[in-house]
């Protein structure tokens, strides 16, 4: 398992990232993206897991639960 961190500058960067990330990747994004119109809808429909970066403990909990689910379901 590994983590890919993308510090992209525009929403068009997402198109390029989709082409290079592994198929069995679990995308995690900041919650603010959910409210960016079409981008938010696309992320939500694609199964992106959103975290609230302002609530650090909650964000860590979401990431921990996601990691646990990935281990249980053998997602790598």
PDB file of N, CA and C in Angstrom:
ATOM      1  N   UNK A   1       0.838  -1.204   0.000  1.00  0.00           N
ATOM      2  CA  UNK A   1       0.000   0.000   0.000  1.00  0.00           C
ATOM      3  C   UNK A   1       0.872   1.254   0.000  1.00  0.00           C
ATOM      4  N   UNK A   2       0.343   2.302  -0.564  1.00  0.00           N
ATOM      5  CA  UNK A   2       1.072   3.558  -0.593  1.00  0.00           C
ATOM      6  C   UNK A   2       0.105   4.712  -0.663  1.00  0.00           C
ATOM      7  N   UNK A   3       0.629   5.900  -0.419  1.00  0.00           N
ATOM      8  CA  UNK A   3      -0.169   7.119  -0.435  1.00  0.00           C
ATOM      9  C   UNK A   3       0.372   8.022  -1.522  1.00  0.00           C
ATOM     10  N   UNK A   4      -0.520   8.555  -2.339  1.00  0.00           N
ATOM     11  CA  UNK A   4      -0.145   9.519  -3.370  1.00  0.00           C
ATOM     12  C   UNK A   4      -0.714  10.864  -2.931  1.00  0.00           C
ATOM     13  N   UNK A   5       0.149  11.842  -2.776  1.00  0.00           N
ATOM     14  CA  UNK A   5      -0.285  13.176  -2.384  1.00  0.00           C
ATOM     15  C   UNK A   5      -0.137  14.081  -3.593  1.00  0.00           C
ATOM     16  N   UNK A   6      -1.216  14.740  -3.959  1.00  0.00           N
ATOM     17  CA  UNK A   6      -1.208  15.616  -5.131  1.00  0.00           C
ATOM     18  C   UNK A   6      -1.528  17.042  -4.713  1.00  0.00           C
ATOM     19  N   UNK A   7      -0.609  17.919  -4.922  1.00  0.00           N
ATOM     20  CA  UNK A   7      -0.820  19.338  -4.637  1.00  0.00           C
ATOM     21  C   UNK A   7      -1.046  20.029  -5.981  1.00  0.00           C
ATOM     22  N   UNK A   8      -2.228  19.868  -6.508  1.00  0.00           N
ATOM     23  CA  UNK A   8      -2.515  20.388  -7.835  1.00  0.00           C
ATOM     24  C   UNK A   8      -2.929  21.852  -7.774  1.00  0.00           C
ATOM     25  N   UNK A   9      -2.789  22.550  -8.885  1.00  0.00           N
ATOM     26  CA  UNK A   9      -3.036  23.983  -8.942  1.00  0.00           C
ATOM     27  C   UNK A   9      -4.377  24.357  -9.569  1.00  0.00           C
ATOM     28  N   UNK A  10      -4.984  23.459 -10.300  1.00  0.00           N
ATOM     29  CA  UNK A  10      -6.262  23.755 -10.961  1.00  0.00           C
ATOM     30  C   UNK A  10      -7.076  22.468 -11.071  1.00  0.00           C
ATOM     31  N   UNK A  11      -8.367  22.596 -11.286  1.00  0.00           N
ATOM     32  CA  UNK A  11      -9.203  21.404 -11.386  1.00  0.00           C
ATOM     33  C   UNK A  11      -8.890  20.580 -12.628  1.00  0.00           C
ATOM     34  N   UNK A  12      -8.291  21.178 -13.631  1.00  0.00           N
ATOM     35  CA  UNK A  12      -7.897  20.414 -14.823  1.00  0.00           C
ATOM     36  C   UNK A  12      -6.792  19.418 -14.515  1.00  0.00           C
ATOM     37  N   UNK A  13      -6.033  19.665 -13.461  1.00  0.00           N
ATOM     38  CA  UNK A  13      -4.990  18.726 -13.063  1.00  0.00           C
ATOM     39  C   UNK A  13      -5.580  17.357 -12.729  1.00  0.00           C
ATOM     40  N   UNK A  14      -6.831  17.350 -12.265  1.00  0.00           N
ATOM     41  CA  UNK A  14      -7.486  16.091 -11.920  1.00  0.00           C
ATOM     42  C   UNK A  14      -7.554  15.147 -13.115  1.00  0.00           C
ATOM     43  N   UNK A  15      -7.756  15.713 -14.290  1.00  0.00           N
ATOM     44  CA  UNK A  15      -7.846  14.876 -15.495  1.00  0.00           C
ATOM     45  C   UNK A  15      -6.553  14.105 -15.720  1.00  0.00           C
ATOM     46  N   UNK A  16      -5.440  14.755 -15.541  1.00  0.00           N
ATOM     47  CA  UNK A  16      -4.152  14.079 -15.699  1.00  0.00           C
ATOM     48  C   UNK A  16      -3.905  13.056 -14.610  1.00  0.00           C
ATOM     49  N   UNK A  17      -4.292  13.386 -13.389  1.00  0.00           N
ATOM     50  CA  UNK A  17      -4.076  12.461 -12.275  1.00  0.00           C
ATOM     51  C   UNK A  17      -4.880  11.186 -12.448  1.00  0.00           C
ATOM     52  N   UNK A  18      -6.074  11.292 -12.984  1.00  0.00           N
ATOM     53  CA  UNK A  18      -6.927  10.117 -13.186  1.00  0.00           C
ATOM     54  C   UNK A  18      -6.243   9.109 -14.114  1.00  0.00           C
ATOM     55  N   UNK A  19      -5.447   9.598 -15.021  1.00  0.00           N
ATOM     56  CA  UNK A  19      -4.768   8.717 -15.979  1.00  0.00           C
ATOM     57  C   UNK A  19      -3.577   7.976 -15.378  1.00  0.00           C
ATOM     58  N   UNK A  20      -2.979   8.487 -14.315  1.00  0.00           N
ATOM     59  CA  UNK A  20      -1.751   7.881 -13.798  1.00  0.00           C
ATOM     60  C   UNK A  20      -1.909   7.163 -12.458  1.00  0.00           C
ATOM     61  N   UNK A  21      -3.001   7.383 -11.745  1.00  0.00           N
ATOM     62  CA  UNK A  21      -3.160   6.708 -10.455  1.00  0.00           C
ATOM     63  C   UNK A  21      -3.604   5.259 -10.669  1.00  0.00           C
ATOM     64  N   UNK A  22      -3.247   4.372  -9.760  1.00  0.00           N
ATOM     65  CA  UNK A  22      -3.638   2.960  -9.886  1.00  0.00           C
ATOM     66  C   UNK A  22      -5.161   2.796  -9.868  1.00  0.00           C
ATOM     67  N   UNK A  23      -5.638   1.730 -10.498  1.00  0.00           N
ATOM     68  CA  UNK A  23      -7.075   1.470 -10.576  1.00  0.00           C
ATOM     69  C   UNK A  23      -7.705   1.309  -9.206  1.00  0.00           C
ATOM     70  N   UNK A  24      -7.049   0.619  -8.317  1.00  0.00           N
ATOM     71  CA  UNK A  24      -7.627   0.333  -7.004  1.00  0.00           C
ATOM     72  C   UNK A  24      -7.199   1.376  -5.981  1.00  0.00           C
ATOM     73  N   UNK A  25      -7.268   2.601  -6.359  1.00  0.00           N
ATOM     74  CA  UNK A  25      -6.897   3.725  -5.510  1.00  0.00           C
ATOM     75  C   UNK A  25      -8.137   4.256  -4.800  1.00  0.00           C
ATOM     76  N   UNK A  26      -7.981   4.667  -3.552  1.00  0.00           N
ATOM     77  CA  UNK A  26      -9.086   5.253  -2.800  1.00  0.00           C
ATOM     78  C   UNK A  26      -8.801   6.752  -2.684  1.00  0.00           C
ATOM     79  N   UNK A  27      -9.543   7.570  -3.412  1.00  0.00           N
ATOM     80  CA  UNK A  27      -9.283   9.015  -3.382  1.00  0.00           C
ATOM     81  C   UNK A  27      -9.851   9.678  -2.128  1.00  0.00           C
ATOM     82  N   UNK A  28      -9.049  10.528  -1.513  1.00  0.00           N
ATOM     83  CA  UNK A  28      -9.464  11.315  -0.362  1.00  0.00           C
ATOM     84  C   UNK A  28      -9.199  12.772  -0.709  1.00  0.00           C
ATOM     85  N   UNK A  29     -10.172  13.632  -0.458  1.00  0.00           N
ATOM     86  CA  UNK A  29     -10.037  15.046  -0.817  1.00  0.00           C
ATOM     87  C   UNK A  29     -10.588  15.931   0.287  1.00  0.00           C
ATOM     88  N   UNK A  30     -10.173  17.178   0.258  1.00  0.00           N
ATOM     89  CA  UNK A  30     -10.709  18.126   1.242  1.00  0.00           C
ATOM     90  C   UNK A  30     -12.188  18.363   0.967  1.00  0.00           C
ATOM     91  N   UNK A  31     -12.941  18.530   2.036  1.00  0.00           N
ATOM     92  CA  UNK A  31     -14.395  18.665   1.951  1.00  0.00           C
ATOM     93  C   UNK A  31     -14.826  19.866   1.097  1.00  0.00           C
ATOM     94  N   UNK A  32     -14.011  20.904   1.042  1.00  0.00           N
ATOM     95  CA  UNK A  32     -14.358  22.091   0.268  1.00  0.00           C
ATOM     96  C   UNK A  32     -14.619  21.771  -1.202  1.00  0.00           C
ATOM     97  N   UNK A  33     -13.971  20.735  -1.727  1.00  0.00           N
ATOM     98  CA  UNK A  33     -14.173  20.362  -3.130  1.00  0.00           C
ATOM     99  C   UNK A  33     -15.609  19.925  -3.406  1.00  0.00           C
ATOM    100  N   UNK A  34     -16.263  19.408  -2.392  1.00  0.00           N
ATOM    101  CA  UNK A  34     -17.642  18.947  -2.553  1.00  0.00           C
ATOM    102  C   UNK A  34     -18.569  20.077  -2.995  1.00  0.00           C
ATOM    103  N   UNK A  35     -18.216  21.303  -2.672  1.00  0.00           N
ATOM    104  CA  UNK A  35     -19.075  22.453  -2.954  1.00  0.00           C
ATOM    105  C   UNK A  35     -18.632  23.247  -4.180  1.00  0.00           C
ATOM    106  N   UNK A  36     -17.816  22.653  -5.047  1.00  0.00           N
ATOM    107  CA  UNK A  36     -17.328  23.334  -6.243  1.00  0.00           C
ATOM    108  C   UNK A  36     -18.107  22.954  -7.495  1.00  0.00           C
ATOM    109  N   UNK A  37     -19.413  22.988  -7.408  1.00  0.00           N
ATOM    110  CA  UNK A  37     -20.254  22.750  -8.584  1.00  0.00           C
ATOM    111  C   UNK A  37     -20.002  21.409  -9.244  1.00  0.00           C
ATOM    112  N   UNK A  38     -19.688  21.449 -10.512  1.00  0.00           N
ATOM    113  CA  UNK A  38     -19.491  20.238 -11.309  1.00  0.00           C
ATOM    114  C   UNK A  38     -18.355  19.381 -10.770  1.00  0.00           C
ATOM    115  N   UNK A  39     -17.294  20.010 -10.323  1.00  0.00           N
ATOM    116  CA  UNK A  39     -16.164  19.262  -9.764  1.00  0.00           C
ATOM    117  C   UNK A  39     -16.618  18.483  -8.526  1.00  0.00           C
ATOM    118  N   UNK A  40     -17.388  19.137  -7.672  1.00  0.00           N
ATOM    119  CA  UNK A  40     -17.893  18.474  -6.470  1.00  0.00           C
ATOM    120  C   UNK A  40     -18.779  17.289  -6.792  1.00  0.00           C
ATOM    121  N   UNK A  41     -19.688  17.467  -7.740  1.00  0.00           N
ATOM    122  CA  UNK A  41     -20.564  16.365  -8.167  1.00  0.00           C
ATOM    123  C   UNK A  41     -19.739  15.205  -8.716  1.00  0.00           C
ATOM    124  N   UNK A  42     -18.762  15.516  -9.556  1.00  0.00           N
ATOM    125  CA  UNK A  42     -17.922  14.471 -10.153  1.00  0.00           C
ATOM    126  C   UNK A  42     -17.158  13.707  -9.070  1.00  0.00           C
ATOM    127  N   UNK A  43     -16.625  14.432  -8.104  1.00  0.00           N
ATOM    128  CA  UNK A  43     -15.903  13.776  -7.006  1.00  0.00           C
ATOM    129  C   UNK A  43     -16.837  12.877  -6.210  1.00  0.00           C
ATOM    130  N   UNK A  44     -18.008  13.402  -5.871  1.00  0.00           N
ATOM    131  CA  UNK A  44     -18.968  12.645  -5.079  1.00  0.00           C
ATOM    132  C   UNK A  44     -19.413  11.383  -5.814  1.00  0.00           C
ATOM    133  N   UNK A  45     -19.737  11.519  -7.101  1.00  0.00           N
ATOM    134  CA  UNK A  45     -20.171  10.371  -7.893  1.00  0.00           C
ATOM    135  C   UNK A  45     -19.058   9.356  -8.113  1.00  0.00           C
ATOM    136  N   UNK A  46     -17.810   9.811  -8.044  1.00  0.00           N
ATOM    137  CA  UNK A  46     -16.659   8.927  -8.239  1.00  0.00           C
ATOM    138  C   UNK A  46     -16.266   8.193  -6.959  1.00  0.00           C
ATOM    139  N   UNK A  47     -16.927   8.499  -5.868  1.00  0.00           N
ATOM    140  CA  UNK A  47     -16.630   7.806  -4.620  1.00  0.00           C
ATOM    141  C   UNK A  47     -15.512   8.418  -3.802  1.00  0.00           C
ATOM    142  N   UNK A  48     -15.214   9.678  -4.032  1.00  0.00           N
ATOM    143  CA  UNK A  48     -14.174  10.355  -3.252  1.00  0.00           C
ATOM    144  C   UNK A  48     -14.610  10.419  -1.795  1.00  0.00           C
ATOM    145  N   UNK A  49     -13.687  10.167  -0.889  1.00  0.00           N
ATOM    146  CA  UNK A  49     -13.940  10.292   0.545  1.00  0.00           C
ATOM    147  C   UNK A  49     -13.477  11.686   0.945  1.00  0.00           C
ATOM    148  N   UNK A  50     -14.384  12.446   1.538  1.00  0.00           N
ATOM    149  CA  UNK A  50     -14.075  13.835   1.886  1.00  0.00           C
ATOM    150  C   UNK A  50     -13.692  13.951   3.356  1.00  0.00           C
ATOM    151  N   UNK A  51     -12.686  14.781   3.625  1.00  0.00           N
ATOM    152  CA  UNK A  51     -12.292  15.057   5.003  1.00  0.00           C
ATOM    153  C   UNK A  51     -12.379  16.556   5.266  1.00  0.00           C
ATOM    154  N   UNK A  52     -12.691  16.880   6.498  1.00  0.00           N
ATOM    155  CA  UNK A  52     -12.761  18.279   6.928  1.00  0.00           C
ATOM    156  C   UNK A  52     -11.422  18.621   7.570  1.00  0.00           C
ATOM    157  N   UNK A  53     -10.601  19.354   6.869  1.00  0.00           N
ATOM    158  CA  UNK A  53      -9.260  19.659   7.362  1.00  0.00           C
ATOM    159  C   UNK A  53      -9.279  20.581   8.572  1.00  0.00           C
ATOM    160  N   UNK A  54     -10.373  21.280   8.803  1.00  0.00           N
ATOM    161  CA  UNK A  54     -10.466  22.154   9.977  1.00  0.00           C
ATOM    162  C   UNK A  54     -10.689  21.348  11.247  1.00  0.00           C
ATOM    163  N   UNK A  55     -11.219  20.147  11.113  1.00  0.00           N
ATOM    164  CA  UNK A  55     -11.462  19.262  12.265  1.00  0.00           C
ATOM    165  C   UNK A  55     -10.475  18.101  12.197  1.00  0.00           C
ATOM    166  N   UNK A  56      -9.269  18.351  12.671  1.00  0.00           N
ATOM    167  CA  UNK A  56      -8.155  17.408  12.541  1.00  0.00           C
ATOM    168  C   UNK A  56      -8.498  16.017  13.068  1.00  0.00           C
ATOM    169  N   UNK A  57      -9.069  15.933  14.268  1.00  0.00           N
ATOM    170  CA  UNK A  57      -9.388  14.624  14.854  1.00  0.00           C
ATOM    171  C   UNK A  57     -10.374  13.844  13.996  1.00  0.00           C
ATOM    172  N   UNK A  58     -11.378  14.532  13.475  1.00  0.00           N
ATOM    173  CA  UNK A  58     -12.361  13.873  12.607  1.00  0.00           C
ATOM    174  C   UNK A  58     -11.699  13.403  11.314  1.00  0.00           C
ATOM    175  N   UNK A  59     -10.814  14.222  10.752  1.00  0.00           N
ATOM    176  CA  UNK A  59     -10.121  13.850   9.511  1.00  0.00           C
ATOM    177  C   UNK A  59      -9.247  12.613   9.724  1.00  0.00           C
ATOM    178  N   UNK A  60      -8.542  12.584  10.846  1.00  0.00           N
ATOM    179  CA  UNK A  60      -7.709  11.419  11.150  1.00  0.00           C
ATOM    180  C   UNK A  60      -8.577  10.182  11.313  1.00  0.00           C
ATOM    181  N   UNK A  61      -9.741  10.336  11.935  1.00  0.00           N
ATOM    182  CA  UNK A  61     -10.665   9.210  12.098  1.00  0.00           C
ATOM    183  C   UNK A  61     -11.144   8.667  10.760  1.00  0.00           C
ATOM    184  N   UNK A  62     -11.492   9.562   9.843  1.00  0.00           N
ATOM    185  CA  UNK A  62     -11.946   9.136   8.508  1.00  0.00           C
ATOM    186  C   UNK A  62     -10.831   8.381   7.792  1.00  0.00           C
ATOM    187  N   UNK A  63      -9.629   8.904   7.863  1.00  0.00           N
ATOM    188  CA  UNK A  63      -8.498   8.247   7.193  1.00  0.00           C
ATOM    189  C   UNK A  63      -8.219   6.888   7.836  1.00  0.00           C
ATOM    190  N   UNK A  64      -8.294   6.798   9.150  1.00  0.00           N
ATOM    191  CA  UNK A  64      -8.068   5.522   9.844  1.00  0.00           C
ATOM    192  C   UNK A  64      -9.123   4.483   9.467  1.00  0.00           C
ATOM    193  N   UNK A  65     -10.401   4.905   9.438  1.00  0.00           N
ATOM    194  CA  UNK A  65     -11.467   3.965   9.055  1.00  0.00           C
ATOM    195  C   UNK A  65     -11.298   3.522   7.597  1.00  0.00           C
ATOM    196  N   UNK A  66     -10.888   4.434   6.742  1.00  0.00           N
ATOM    197  CA  UNK A  66     -10.658   4.087   5.337  1.00  0.00           C
ATOM    198  C   UNK A  66      -9.527   3.077   5.217  1.00  0.00           C
ATOM    199  N   UNK A  67      -8.440   3.302   5.950  1.00  0.00           N
ATOM    200  CA  UNK A  67      -7.309   2.366   5.921  1.00  0.00           C
ATOM    201  C   UNK A  67      -7.739   0.989   6.422  1.00  0.00           C
ATOM    202  N   UNK A  68      -8.547   0.954   7.482  1.00  0.00           N
ATOM    203  CA  UNK A  68      -9.042  -0.324   8.007  1.00  0.00           C
ATOM    204  C   UNK A  68      -9.899  -1.060   6.989  1.00  0.00           C
ATOM    205  N   UNK A  69     -10.778  -0.333   6.324  1.00  0.00           N
ATOM    206  CA  UNK A  69     -11.629  -0.949   5.297  1.00  0.00           C
ATOM    207  C   UNK A  69     -10.786  -1.471   4.138  1.00  0.00           C
ATOM    208  N   UNK A  70      -9.756  -0.724   3.778  1.00  0.00           N
ATOM    209  CA  UNK A  70      -8.881  -1.170   2.687  1.00  0.00           C
ATOM    210  C   UNK A  70      -8.165  -2.457   3.068  1.00  0.00           C
ATOM    211  N   UNK A  71      -7.723  -2.567   4.308  1.00  0.00           N
ATOM    212  CA  UNK A  71      -7.050  -3.797   4.752  1.00  0.00           C
ATOM    213  C   UNK A  71      -8.026  -4.975   4.749  1.00  0.00           C
ATOM    214  N   UNK A  72      -9.234  -4.750   5.301  1.00  0.00           N
ATOM    215  CA  UNK A  72     -10.232  -5.826   5.369  1.00  0.00           C
ATOM    216  C   UNK A  72     -10.628  -6.322   3.981  1.00  0.00           C
ATOM    217  N   UNK A  73     -10.758  -5.397   3.042  1.00  0.00           N
ATOM    218  CA  UNK A  73     -11.208  -5.754   1.701  1.00  0.00           C
ATOM    219  C   UNK A  73     -10.051  -6.032   0.750  1.00  0.00           C
ATOM    220  N   UNK A  74      -8.842  -6.039   1.292  1.00  0.00           N
ATOM    221  CA  UNK A  74      -7.632  -6.330   0.523  1.00  0.00           C
ATOM    222  C   UNK A  74      -7.478  -5.393  -0.681  1.00  0.00           C
ATOM    223  N   UNK A  75      -7.745  -4.126  -0.473  1.00  0.00           N
ATOM    224  CA  UNK A  75      -7.562  -3.124  -1.528  1.00  0.00           C
ATOM    225  C   UNK A  75      -6.138  -2.627  -1.431  1.00  0.00           C
ATOM    226  N   UNK A  76      -5.390  -2.777  -2.479  1.00  0.00           N
ATOM    227  CA  UNK A  76      -3.987  -2.332  -2.502  1.00  0.00           C
ATOM    228  C   UNK A  76      -3.698  -1.701  -3.826  1.00  0.00           C
TER     229      UNK A  76
END
